[in-house]
Amino acid sequence: MTSIDTIDLEEIATELSSILDIVRWSMSQFNQADLYYGHGTDNAWSEALTLALQVLHLPQNMTEDDLHLILQSKLTLAEKKQILALVKRRILEKLPVAYLTNQAWFCGLPFYVDERVLVPRSPFAELIDQHFSTWLESEPQYILDLCTGSGCIAIALAYEFEESQVDAVDISDDALQVADINIQEHGLHDRVLPIKSDLMEALQGHKYDLIVSNPPYVDAEDMSDLPDEFHHEPELGLAAGEDGLVLVDTILRQAVEHLNPDGWLFVEVGNSEVHMNAKYPELDIHWVEFEHGGRGVFAINHANLTAYWAKHS
């Protein structure tokens, strides 16, 4: 097995010709390396293809026929060298592709990302694409995206609910800077508002028809076992105490005051689902079932949340 740091990339670049050539070669290198896939792809082929298409500024939502044609395209030497340099960094530095290209896709939309924010990968995409149709009886006018990070969920919600106003809230100045970049790039500055707040503390008087939150929820045990790729992401966006519910506990209490009477709260807790069930056995939550993979998202309406705290306060 040859280590990529000993390979002459200049020579390799002259030997490869098409996009397919370079994706195949990259895939082989990824298969030899100890990489983790979980930031938008789940295998070496998809990882290599995503990297190449993003570097070449090509769409990632092509039909199979279009993709087949594109893969036969010849590359310039400069393009090949640029891709190979990032393949090398992906392997040696264990950087997620999204940080190498400063691009991630969510709900079919492109977003700027860097190491100030988590790489978008939430199953909320499926709920947004489905218009929250199982849960919402009418179009939400006022939406809160709590712990917005890159702003991808807030922006996707604004696209889906075209008459809505969306507050994109985060405690991190760095994250809000990235969110603002994306808000401006998508031309939604009049409908999506980035707000600095420690959860809902700065939202006095604000009421919402829909609150969506993908907060930090990784428990202490899982934090210690995370693959190297996750250590490039801000720990502030991942770690959430021993049971992963430090922020969720507060969200459940604050949401009572910020949901409208017919409003719904959706929270992603990932692997901390088991802690959630153990800690709140009497809370009338609904676990969302996803058709396209993903788990650990619960929903609760204002009435059930209010009833729970009336009994347990």
C-alpha atoms as a PDB file:
ATOM      1  CA  MET A   1       0.000   0.000   0.000  1.00  0.00           C
ATOM      2  CA  THR A   2       1.444   3.369  -1.014  1.00  0.00           C
ATOM      3  CA  SER A   3       0.860   6.330   1.270  1.00  0.00           C
ATOM      4  CA  ILE A   4      -0.579   9.347  -0.481  1.00  0.00           C
ATOM      5  CA  ASP A   5       2.046  11.651   1.007  1.00  0.00           C
ATOM      6  CA  THR A   6       4.702   9.792  -1.009  1.00  0.00           C
ATOM      7  CA  ILE A   7       2.800   9.869  -4.308  1.00  0.00           C
ATOM      8  CA  ASP A   8       3.894  12.306  -7.026  1.00  0.00           C
ATOM      9  CA  LEU A   9       0.599  14.085  -7.672  1.00  0.00           C
ATOM     10  CA  GLU A  10       2.065  15.945 -10.662  1.00  0.00           C
ATOM     11  CA  GLU A  11       2.749  12.634 -12.360  1.00  0.00           C
ATOM     12  CA  ILE A  12      -0.674  11.240 -11.429  1.00  0.00           C
ATOM     13  CA  ALA A  13      -2.335  14.347 -12.853  1.00  0.00           C
ATOM     14  CA  THR A  14      -0.752  13.743 -16.252  1.00  0.00           C
ATOM     15  CA  GLU A  15      -1.848  10.091 -16.275  1.00  0.00           C
ATOM     16  CA  LEU A  16      -5.522  10.757 -15.481  1.00  0.00           C
ATOM     17  CA  SER A  17      -7.758  12.208 -18.162  1.00  0.00           C
ATOM     18  CA  SER A  18     -11.513  12.360 -17.480  1.00  0.00           C
ATOM     19  CA  ILE A  19     -13.609  13.211 -14.435  1.00  0.00           C
ATOM     20  CA  LEU A  20     -14.365   9.502 -14.139  1.00  0.00           C
ATOM     21  CA  ASP A  21     -10.629   8.741 -14.074  1.00  0.00           C
ATOM     22  CA  ILE A  22      -9.968  11.130 -11.233  1.00  0.00           C
ATOM     23  CA  VAL A  23     -13.057  10.089  -9.242  1.00  0.00           C
ATOM     24  CA  ARG A  24     -12.084   6.431  -9.578  1.00  0.00           C
ATOM     25  CA  TRP A  25      -8.500   7.168  -8.510  1.00  0.00           C
ATOM     26  CA  SER A  26      -9.697   9.264  -5.568  1.00  0.00           C
ATOM     27  CA  MET A  27     -12.066   6.511  -4.502  1.00  0.00           C
ATOM     28  CA  SER A  28      -9.193   4.023  -4.476  1.00  0.00           C
ATOM     29  CA  GLN A  29      -7.138   6.341  -2.285  1.00  0.00           C
ATOM     30  CA  PHE A  30     -10.060   6.869   0.096  1.00  0.00           C
ATOM     31  CA  ASN A  31     -10.599   3.112   0.352  1.00  0.00           C
ATOM     32  CA  GLN A  32      -6.981   2.670   1.448  1.00  0.00           C
ATOM     33  CA  ALA A  33      -7.254   5.418   4.070  1.00  0.00           C
ATOM     34  CA  ASP A  34      -8.905   5.335   7.490  1.00  0.00           C
ATOM     35  CA  LEU A  35     -11.673   7.792   6.671  1.00  0.00           C
ATOM     36  CA  TYR A  36     -15.093   8.345   8.190  1.00  0.00           C
ATOM     37  CA  TYR A  37     -18.034   9.237   5.956  1.00  0.00           C
ATOM     38  CA  GLY A  38     -20.860  11.077   7.641  1.00  0.00           C
ATOM     39  CA  HIS A  39     -20.767  14.685   6.484  1.00  0.00           C
ATOM     40  CA  GLY A  40     -23.000  14.429   3.459  1.00  0.00           C
ATOM     41  CA  THR A  41     -21.902  11.070   2.023  1.00  0.00           C
ATOM     42  CA  ASP A  42     -21.627   7.527   3.343  1.00  0.00           C
ATOM     43  CA  ASN A  43     -19.122   5.851   1.016  1.00  0.00           C
ATOM     44  CA  ALA A  44     -15.856   6.449  -0.835  1.00  0.00           C
ATOM     45  CA  TRP A  45     -17.433   6.771  -4.312  1.00  0.00           C
ATOM     46  CA  SER A  46     -19.926   9.447  -3.243  1.00  0.00           C
ATOM     47  CA  GLU A  47     -17.201  11.271  -1.328  1.00  0.00           C
ATOM     48  CA  ALA A  48     -14.859  11.340  -4.325  1.00  0.00           C
ATOM     49  CA  LEU A  49     -17.633  12.335  -6.732  1.00  0.00           C
ATOM     50  CA  THR A  50     -18.868  15.131  -4.452  1.00  0.00           C
ATOM     51  CA  LEU A  51     -15.365  16.522  -4.094  1.00  0.00           C
ATOM     52  CA  ALA A  52     -14.753  16.549  -7.843  1.00  0.00           C
ATOM     53  CA  LEU A  53     -18.109  18.071  -8.782  1.00  0.00           C
ATOM     54  CA  GLN A  54     -17.796  20.837  -6.207  1.00  0.00           C
ATOM     55  CA  VAL A  55     -14.267  21.765  -7.258  1.00  0.00           C
ATOM     56  CA  LEU A  56     -15.436  21.893 -10.885  1.00  0.00           C
ATOM     57  CA  HIS A  57     -18.532  23.964  -9.992  1.00  0.00           C
ATOM     58  CA  LEU A  58     -20.830  21.343 -11.470  1.00  0.00           C
ATOM     59  CA  PRO A  59     -24.356  20.598 -10.157  1.00  0.00           C
ATOM     60  CA  GLN A  60     -24.773  17.671  -7.788  1.00  0.00           C
ATOM     61  CA  ASN A  61     -28.404  17.019  -8.650  1.00  0.00           C
ATOM     62  CA  MET A  62     -27.912  15.862 -12.246  1.00  0.00           C
ATOM     63  CA  THR A  63     -29.879  13.014 -13.764  1.00  0.00           C
ATOM     64  CA  GLU A  64     -28.048   9.716 -14.155  1.00  0.00           C
ATOM     65  CA  ASP A  65     -27.804  10.251 -17.909  1.00  0.00           C
ATOM     66  CA  ASP A  66     -26.333  13.732 -17.507  1.00  0.00           C
ATOM     67  CA  LEU A  67     -23.900  12.498 -14.885  1.00  0.00           C
ATOM     68  CA  HIS A  68     -22.765   9.677 -17.180  1.00  0.00           C
ATOM     69  CA  LEU A  69     -21.982  12.210 -19.912  1.00  0.00           C
ATOM     70  CA  ILE A  70     -20.250  14.621 -17.557  1.00  0.00           C
ATOM     71  CA  LEU A  71     -18.010  11.886 -16.141  1.00  0.00           C
ATOM     72  CA  GLN A  72     -16.531  11.337 -19.600  1.00  0.00           C
ATOM     73  CA  SER A  73     -15.422  14.984 -19.819  1.00  0.00           C
ATOM     74  CA  LYS A  74     -11.694  15.656 -20.036  1.00  0.00           C
ATOM     75  CA  LEU A  75     -10.083  17.849 -17.383  1.00  0.00           C
ATOM     76  CA  THR A  76      -7.399  20.494 -17.709  1.00  0.00           C
ATOM     77  CA  LEU A  77      -4.129  19.922 -15.881  1.00  0.00           C
ATOM     78  CA  ALA A  78      -4.946  22.758 -13.484  1.00  0.00           C
ATOM     79  CA  GLU A  79      -8.329  21.187 -12.615  1.00  0.00           C
ATOM     80  CA  LYS A  80      -6.766  17.789 -11.997  1.00  0.00           C
ATOM     81  CA  LYS A  81      -4.071  19.230  -9.745  1.00  0.00           C
ATOM     82  CA  GLN A  82      -6.647  21.171  -7.738  1.00  0.00           C
ATOM     83  CA  ILE A  83      -8.765  18.078  -7.122  1.00  0.00           C
ATOM     84  CA  LEU A  84      -5.782  15.882  -6.267  1.00  0.00           C
ATOM     85  CA  ALA A  85      -4.470  18.420  -3.783  1.00  0.00           C
ATOM     86  CA  LEU A  86      -7.790  18.316  -1.927  1.00  0.00           C
ATOM     87  CA  VAL A  87      -7.908  14.517  -2.057  1.00  0.00           C
ATOM     88  CA  LYS A  88      -4.518  14.532  -0.337  1.00  0.00           C
ATOM     89  CA  ARG A  89      -5.764  16.929   2.353  1.00  0.00           C
ATOM     90  CA  ARG A  90      -8.942  14.876   2.851  1.00  0.00           C
ATOM     91  CA  ILE A  91      -6.791  11.855   3.667  1.00  0.00           C
ATOM     92  CA  LEU A  92      -3.958  13.417   5.640  1.00  0.00           C
ATOM     93  CA  GLU A  93      -5.921  16.017   7.602  1.00  0.00           C
ATOM     94  CA  LYS A  94      -9.210  14.082   7.869  1.00  0.00           C
ATOM     95  CA  LEU A  95     -11.063  17.224   6.853  1.00  0.00           C
ATOM     96  CA  PRO A  96     -14.673  16.779   5.716  1.00  0.00           C
ATOM     97  CA  VAL A  97     -15.131  17.574   2.027  1.00  0.00           C
ATOM     98  CA  ALA A  98     -17.477  20.461   2.858  1.00  0.00           C
ATOM     99  CA  TYR A  99     -14.645  22.288   4.631  1.00  0.00           C
ATOM    100  CA  LEU A 100     -12.262  21.643   1.736  1.00  0.00           C
ATOM    101  CA  THR A 101     -14.661  23.104  -0.836  1.00  0.00           C
ATOM    102  CA  ASN A 102     -16.593  25.470   1.461  1.00  0.00           C
ATOM    103  CA  GLN A 103     -19.828  24.022   0.176  1.00  0.00           C
ATOM    104  CA  ALA A 104     -22.533  21.725   1.513  1.00  0.00           C
ATOM    105  CA  TRP A 105     -25.977  20.840   0.193  1.00  0.00           C
ATOM    106  CA  PHE A 106     -29.165  20.686   2.244  1.00  0.00           C
ATOM    107  CA  CYS A 107     -32.718  20.303   0.917  1.00  0.00           C
ATOM    108  CA  GLY A 108     -31.312  20.560  -2.587  1.00  0.00           C
ATOM    109  CA  LEU A 109     -29.772  23.952  -1.845  1.00  0.00           C
ATOM    110  CA  PRO A 110     -26.079  24.939  -1.725  1.00  0.00           C
ATOM    111  CA  PHE A 111     -24.626  26.553   1.394  1.00  0.00           C
ATOM    112  CA  TYR A 112     -21.319  28.116   2.283  1.00  0.00           C
ATOM    113  CA  VAL A 113     -19.670  26.364   5.244  1.00  0.00           C
ATOM    114  CA  ASP A 114     -16.360  26.503   7.050  1.00  0.00           C
ATOM    115  CA  GLU A 115     -15.032  25.306  10.392  1.00  0.00           C
ATOM    116  CA  ARG A 116     -17.061  27.913  12.285  1.00  0.00           C
ATOM    117  CA  VAL A 117     -20.192  25.760  11.812  1.00  0.00           C
ATOM    118  CA  LEU A 118     -21.225  22.125  11.670  1.00  0.00           C
ATOM    119  CA  VAL A 119     -21.551  20.498   8.253  1.00  0.00           C
ATOM    120  CA  PRO A 120     -25.313  20.282   7.441  1.00  0.00           C
ATOM    121  CA  ARG A 121     -26.619  16.710   7.663  1.00  0.00           C
ATOM    122  CA  SER A 122     -29.906  16.799   9.588  1.00  0.00           C
ATOM    123  CA  PRO A 123     -32.888  14.523   8.827  1.00  0.00           C
ATOM    124  CA  PHE A 124     -34.947  17.716   9.176  1.00  0.00           C
ATOM    125  CA  ALA A 125     -34.464  17.965   5.403  1.00  0.00           C
ATOM    126  CA  GLU A 126     -37.105  15.286   4.882  1.00  0.00           C
ATOM    127  CA  LEU A 127     -39.610  17.016   7.164  1.00  0.00           C
ATOM    128  CA  ILE A 128     -39.048  20.308   5.348  1.00  0.00           C
ATOM    129  CA  ASP A 129     -39.435  18.684   1.932  1.00  0.00           C
ATOM    130  CA  GLN A 130     -42.701  17.155   3.149  1.00  0.00           C
ATOM    131  CA  HIS A 131     -43.945  20.523   4.399  1.00  0.00           C
ATOM    132  CA  PHE A 132     -44.352  19.062   7.928  1.00  0.00           C
ATOM    133  CA  SER A 133     -47.638  17.842   6.441  1.00  0.00           C
ATOM    134  CA  THR A 134     -48.329  15.215   9.121  1.00  0.00           C
ATOM    135  CA  TRP A 135     -48.159  17.815  11.858  1.00  0.00           C
ATOM    136  CA  LEU A 136     -49.120  21.292  10.690  1.00  0.00           C
ATOM    137  CA  GLU A 137     -52.745  22.129   9.959  1.00  0.00           C
ATOM    138  CA  SER A 138     -51.930  25.485   8.368  1.00  0.00           C
ATOM    139  CA  GLU A 139     -48.957  27.394   6.982  1.00  0.00           C
ATOM    140  CA  PRO A 140     -46.736  28.737   9.780  1.00  0.00           C
ATOM    141  CA  GLN A 141     -46.242  32.488   9.617  1.00  0.00           C
ATOM    142  CA  TYR A 142     -43.587  32.779  12.306  1.00  0.00           C
ATOM    143  CA  ILE A 143     -40.825  30.183  12.515  1.00  0.00           C
ATOM    144  CA  LEU A 144     -37.843  29.842  14.834  1.00  0.00           C
ATOM    145  CA  ASP A 145     -34.727  27.903  13.868  1.00  0.00           C
ATOM    146  CA  LEU A 146     -32.939  27.502  17.189  1.00  0.00           C
ATOM    147  CA  CYS A 147     -29.184  26.780  17.107  1.00  0.00           C
ATOM    148  CA  THR A 148     -29.121  27.725  13.436  1.00  0.00           C
ATOM    149  CA  GLY A 149     -25.409  27.206  12.731  1.00  0.00           C
ATOM    150  CA  SER A 150     -24.912  27.778   8.987  1.00  0.00           C
ATOM    151  CA  GLY A 151     -28.543  28.866   8.646  1.00  0.00           C
ATOM    152  CA  CYS A 152     -29.335  25.978   6.294  1.00  0.00           C
ATOM    153  CA  ILE A 153     -32.492  24.876   8.130  1.00  0.00           C
ATOM    154  CA  ALA A 154     -33.799  28.444   8.478  1.00  0.00           C
ATOM    155  CA  ILE A 155     -33.209  29.149   4.793  1.00  0.00           C
ATOM    156  CA  ALA A 156     -34.742  25.853   3.645  1.00  0.00           C
ATOM    157  CA  LEU A 157     -37.792  26.618   5.810  1.00  0.00           C
ATOM    158  CA  ALA A 158     -38.104  30.061   4.215  1.00  0.00           C
ATOM    159  CA  TYR A 159     -38.081  28.487   0.759  1.00  0.00           C
ATOM    160  CA  GLU A 160     -40.689  25.898   1.760  1.00  0.00           C
ATOM    161  CA  PHE A 161     -43.009  28.338   3.548  1.00  0.00           C
ATOM    162  CA  GLU A 162     -42.898  31.327   1.228  1.00  0.00           C
ATOM    163  CA  GLU A 163     -45.028  33.650   3.375  1.00  0.00           C
ATOM    164  CA  SER A 164     -43.156  32.991   6.617  1.00  0.00           C
ATOM    165  CA  GLN A 165     -40.754  35.032   8.692  1.00  0.00           C
ATOM    166  CA  VAL A 166     -37.902  32.979  10.110  1.00  0.00           C
ATOM    167  CA  ASP A 167     -35.697  33.861  13.079  1.00  0.00           C
ATOM    168  CA  ALA A 168     -32.304  32.137  12.857  1.00  0.00           C
ATOM    169  CA  VAL A 169     -30.927  32.046  16.398  1.00  0.00           C
ATOM    170  CA  ASP A 170     -27.508  31.021  17.686  1.00  0.00           C
ATOM    171  CA  ILE A 171     -25.245  31.863  20.621  1.00  0.00           C
ATOM    172  CA  SER A 172     -22.131  31.820  18.425  1.00  0.00           C
ATOM    173  CA  ASP A 173     -21.043  35.027  16.693  1.00  0.00           C
ATOM    174  CA  ASP A 174     -18.978  32.904  14.303  1.00  0.00           C
ATOM    175  CA  ALA A 175     -21.975  30.797  13.345  1.00  0.00           C
ATOM    176  CA  LEU A 176     -24.157  33.854  12.822  1.00  0.00           C
ATOM    177  CA  GLN A 177     -21.552  35.335  10.474  1.00  0.00           C
ATOM    178  CA  VAL A 178     -21.725  32.188   8.340  1.00  0.00           C
ATOM    179  CA  ALA A 179     -25.527  32.151   8.531  1.00  0.00           C
ATOM    180  CA  ASP A 180     -25.613  35.758   7.328  1.00  0.00           C
ATOM    181  CA  ILE A 181     -23.402  34.871   4.355  1.00  0.00           C
ATOM    182  CA  ASN A 182     -25.923  32.222   3.357  1.00  0.00           C
ATOM    183  CA  ILE A 183     -28.943  34.436   3.984  1.00  0.00           C
ATOM    184  CA  GLN A 184     -27.460  37.099   1.710  1.00  0.00           C
ATOM    185  CA  GLU A 185     -26.437  34.591  -0.989  1.00  0.00           C
ATOM    186  CA  HIS A 186     -29.982  33.215  -1.091  1.00  0.00           C
ATOM    187  CA  GLY A 187     -31.496  36.707  -1.165  1.00  0.00           C
ATOM    188  CA  LEU A 188     -33.577  36.134   1.964  1.00  0.00           C
ATOM    189  CA  HIS A 189     -32.404  38.998   4.165  1.00  0.00           C
ATOM    190  CA  ASP A 190     -35.950  40.385   4.263  1.00  0.00           C
ATOM    191  CA  ARG A 191     -37.444  37.131   5.625  1.00  0.00           C
ATOM    192  CA  VAL A 192     -34.672  35.365   7.564  1.00  0.00           C
ATOM    193  CA  LEU A 193     -33.234  37.262  10.523  1.00  0.00           C
ATOM    194  CA  PRO A 194     -30.045  36.114  12.293  1.00  0.00           C
ATOM    195  CA  ILE A 195     -30.316  36.758  16.046  1.00  0.00           C
ATOM    196  CA  LYS A 196     -27.738  36.204  18.786  1.00  0.00           C
ATOM    197  CA  SER A 197     -29.314  34.526  21.797  1.00  0.00           C
ATOM    198  CA  ASP A 198     -28.522  31.897  24.408  1.00  0.00           C
ATOM    199  CA  LEU A 199     -31.364  29.635  23.326  1.00  0.00           C
ATOM    200  CA  MET A 200     -34.536  31.746  23.732  1.00  0.00           C
ATOM    201  CA  GLU A 201     -33.277  34.226  26.334  1.00  0.00           C
ATOM    202  CA  ALA A 202     -33.191  37.176  23.899  1.00  0.00           C
ATOM    203  CA  LEU A 203     -36.588  36.384  22.366  1.00  0.00           C
ATOM    204  CA  GLN A 204     -38.877  37.931  24.970  1.00  0.00           C
ATOM    205  CA  GLY A 205     -42.305  38.525  23.477  1.00  0.00           C
ATOM    206  CA  HIS A 206     -41.619  36.477  20.352  1.00  0.00           C
ATOM    207  CA  LYS A 207     -44.198  33.791  19.547  1.00  0.00           C
ATOM    208  CA  TYR A 208     -43.891  31.138  16.873  1.00  0.00           C
ATOM    209  CA  ASP A 209     -46.126  28.710  15.007  1.00  0.00           C
ATOM    210  CA  LEU A 210     -43.194  26.362  14.453  1.00  0.00           C
ATOM    211  CA  ILE A 211     -39.966  25.953  16.414  1.00  0.00           C
ATOM    212  CA  VAL A 212     -37.297  23.725  14.907  1.00  0.00           C
ATOM    213  CA  SER A 213     -34.080  22.995  16.773  1.00  0.00           C
ATOM    214  CA  ASN A 214     -31.012  20.941  15.981  1.00  0.00           C
ATOM    215  CA  PRO A 215     -29.057  21.761  19.154  1.00  0.00           C
ATOM    216  CA  PRO A 216     -25.834  20.184  20.435  1.00  0.00           C
ATOM    217  CA  TYR A 217     -26.886  16.737  21.658  1.00  0.00           C
ATOM    218  CA  VAL A 218     -23.788  14.504  21.737  1.00  0.00           C
ATOM    219  CA  ASP A 219     -23.349  12.917  25.159  1.00  0.00           C
ATOM    220  CA  ALA A 220     -19.998  12.612  26.918  1.00  0.00           C
ATOM    221  CA  GLU A 221     -19.455   8.974  25.949  1.00  0.00           C
ATOM    222  CA  ASP A 222     -20.099   9.602  22.257  1.00  0.00           C
ATOM    223  CA  MET A 223     -17.926  12.749  22.288  1.00  0.00           C
ATOM    224  CA  SER A 224     -14.953  10.672  23.418  1.00  0.00           C
ATOM    225  CA  ASP A 225     -15.521   8.200  20.559  1.00  0.00           C
ATOM    226  CA  LEU A 226     -16.053  10.612  17.670  1.00  0.00           C
ATOM    227  CA  PRO A 227     -13.986   9.990  14.497  1.00  0.00           C
ATOM    228  CA  ASP A 228     -11.261  12.502  13.625  1.00  0.00           C
ATOM    229  CA  GLU A 229     -13.456  14.255  11.054  1.00  0.00           C
ATOM    230  CA  PHE A 230     -15.778  15.555  13.784  1.00  0.00           C
ATOM    231  CA  HIS A 231     -12.939  17.218  15.655  1.00  0.00           C
ATOM    232  CA  HIS A 232     -12.717  19.828  12.892  1.00  0.00           C
ATOM    233  CA  GLU A 233     -16.244  20.920  13.784  1.00  0.00           C
ATOM    234  CA  PRO A 234     -16.880  23.399  16.621  1.00  0.00           C
ATOM    235  CA  GLU A 235     -17.313  21.508  19.891  1.00  0.00           C
ATOM    236  CA  LEU A 236     -19.874  24.138  20.909  1.00  0.00           C
ATOM    237  CA  GLY A 237     -22.159  22.689  18.244  1.00  0.00           C
ATOM    238  CA  LEU A 238     -21.779  19.081  19.377  1.00  0.00           C
ATOM    239  CA  ALA A 239     -21.189  18.523  23.097  1.00  0.00           C
ATOM    240  CA  ALA A 240     -24.179  18.567  25.461  1.00  0.00           C
ATOM    241  CA  GLY A 241     -23.120  17.094  28.794  1.00  0.00           C
ATOM    242  CA  GLU A 242     -23.322  13.593  30.196  1.00  0.00           C
ATOM    243  CA  ASP A 243     -26.704  12.701  28.685  1.00  0.00           C
ATOM    244  CA  GLY A 244     -26.703  15.012  25.659  1.00  0.00           C
ATOM    245  CA  LEU A 245     -29.779  16.861  26.931  1.00  0.00           C
ATOM    246  CA  VAL A 246     -28.335  19.927  28.664  1.00  0.00           C
ATOM    247  CA  LEU A 247     -29.773  22.305  26.086  1.00  0.00           C
ATOM    248  CA  VAL A 248     -32.883  20.240  25.359  1.00  0.00           C
ATOM    249  CA  ASP A 249     -33.961  20.505  29.015  1.00  0.00           C
ATOM    250  CA  THR A 250     -33.956  24.299  28.690  1.00  0.00           C
ATOM    251  CA  ILE A 251     -35.615  24.284  25.259  1.00  0.00           C
ATOM    252  CA  LEU A 252     -38.542  22.250  26.602  1.00  0.00           C
ATOM    253  CA  ARG A 253     -39.133  24.776  29.375  1.00  0.00           C
ATOM    254  CA  GLN A 254     -38.674  27.910  27.257  1.00  0.00           C
ATOM    255  CA  ALA A 255     -40.830  26.698  24.373  1.00  0.00           C
ATOM    256  CA  VAL A 256     -43.998  26.946  26.455  1.00  0.00           C
ATOM    257  CA  GLU A 257     -43.694  30.740  26.442  1.00  0.00           C
ATOM    258  CA  HIS A 258     -42.709  31.026  22.778  1.00  0.00           C
ATOM    259  CA  LEU A 259     -45.134  28.681  21.006  1.00  0.00           C
ATOM    260  CA  ASN A 260     -48.482  29.900  19.768  1.00  0.00           C
ATOM    261  CA  PRO A 261     -51.485  27.833  20.970  1.00  0.00           C
ATOM    262  CA  ASP A 262     -51.491  25.662  17.814  1.00  0.00           C
ATOM    263  CA  GLY A 263     -47.711  25.620  17.550  1.00  0.00           C
ATOM    264  CA  TRP A 264     -45.338  22.670  17.323  1.00  0.00           C
ATOM    265  CA  LEU A 265     -41.819  22.112  18.611  1.00  0.00           C
ATOM    266  CA  PHE A 266     -39.438  19.770  16.755  1.00  0.00           C
ATOM    267  CA  VAL A 267     -36.071  18.883  18.311  1.00  0.00           C
ATOM    268  CA  GLU A 268     -33.297  16.642  17.029  1.00  0.00           C
ATOM    269  CA  VAL A 269     -31.509  14.659  19.749  1.00  0.00           C
ATOM    270  CA  GLY A 270     -29.844  11.930  17.672  1.00  0.00           C
ATOM    271  CA  ASN A 271     -28.372   9.095  19.712  1.00  0.00           C
ATOM    272  CA  SER A 272     -29.553  10.820  22.895  1.00  0.00           C
ATOM    273  CA  GLU A 273     -33.047   9.541  22.090  1.00  0.00           C
ATOM    274  CA  VAL A 274     -32.514   6.807  24.668  1.00  0.00           C
ATOM    275  CA  HIS A 275     -31.726   9.408  27.353  1.00  0.00           C
ATOM    276  CA  MET A 276     -34.769  11.431  26.301  1.00  0.00           C
ATOM    277  CA  ASN A 277     -37.131   8.496  26.763  1.00  0.00           C
ATOM    278  CA  ALA A 278     -35.617   7.661  30.141  1.00  0.00           C
ATOM    279  CA  LYS A 279     -35.678  11.242  31.430  1.00  0.00           C
ATOM    280  CA  TYR A 280     -39.137  12.251  30.187  1.00  0.00           C
ATOM    281  CA  PRO A 281     -41.295   9.092  30.265  1.00  0.00           C
ATOM    282  CA  GLU A 282     -44.509  11.103  30.794  1.00  0.00           C
ATOM    283  CA  LEU A 283     -43.859  13.737  28.141  1.00  0.00           C
ATOM    284  CA  ASP A 284     -46.284  13.221  25.240  1.00  0.00           C
ATOM    285  CA  ILE A 285     -43.784  13.398  22.400  1.00  0.00           C
ATOM    286  CA  HIS A 286     -43.964  11.835  18.947  1.00  0.00           C
ATOM    287  CA  TRP A 287     -40.810  10.338  17.426  1.00  0.00           C
ATOM    288  CA  VAL A 288     -40.625  11.164  13.736  1.00  0.00           C
ATOM    289  CA  GLU A 289     -40.245   8.216  11.372  1.00  0.00           C
ATOM    290  CA  PHE A 290     -38.123   9.008   8.323  1.00  0.00           C
ATOM    291  CA  GLU A 291     -38.425   7.286   4.964  1.00  0.00           C
ATOM    292  CA  HIS A 292     -34.908   8.166   3.821  1.00  0.00           C
ATOM    293  CA  GLY A 293     -32.860   7.447   6.925  1.00  0.00           C
ATOM    294  CA  GLY A 294     -32.261   9.300  10.145  1.00  0.00           C
ATOM    295  CA  ARG A 295     -33.737   9.149  13.608  1.00  0.00           C
ATOM    296  CA  GLY A 296     -33.795  10.961  16.921  1.00  0.00           C
ATOM    297  CA  VAL A 297     -36.204  13.814  16.100  1.00  0.00           C
ATOM    298  CA  PHE A 298     -39.237  14.329  18.326  1.00  0.00           C
ATOM    299  CA  ALA A 299     -42.293  16.562  18.011  1.00  0.00           C
ATOM    300  CA  ILE A 300     -44.595  17.979  20.669  1.00  0.00           C
ATOM    301  CA  ASN A 301     -47.370  20.549  20.453  1.00  0.00           C
ATOM    302  CA  HIS A 302     -47.967  23.500  22.742  1.00  0.00           C
ATOM    303  CA  ALA A 303     -50.924  21.901  24.528  1.00  0.00           C
ATOM    304  CA  ASN A 304     -49.039  18.767  25.566  1.00  0.00           C
ATOM    305  CA  LEU A 305     -45.952  20.703  26.539  1.00  0.00           C
ATOM    306  CA  THR A 306     -48.009  23.077  28.684  1.00  0.00           C
ATOM    307  CA  ALA A 307     -49.849  20.199  30.335  1.00  0.00           C
ATOM    308  CA  TYR A 308     -46.582  18.440  31.176  1.00  0.00           C
ATOM    309  CA  TRP A 309     -45.042  21.456  32.913  1.00  0.00           C
ATOM    310  CA  ALA A 310     -48.277  22.243  34.732  1.00  0.00           C
ATOM    311  CA  LYS A 311     -48.003  18.781  36.267  1.00  0.00           C
ATOM    312  CA  HIS A 312     -44.244  18.723  36.852  1.00  0.00           C
ATOM    313  CA  SER A 313     -43.317  22.286  37.763  1.00  0.00           C
END
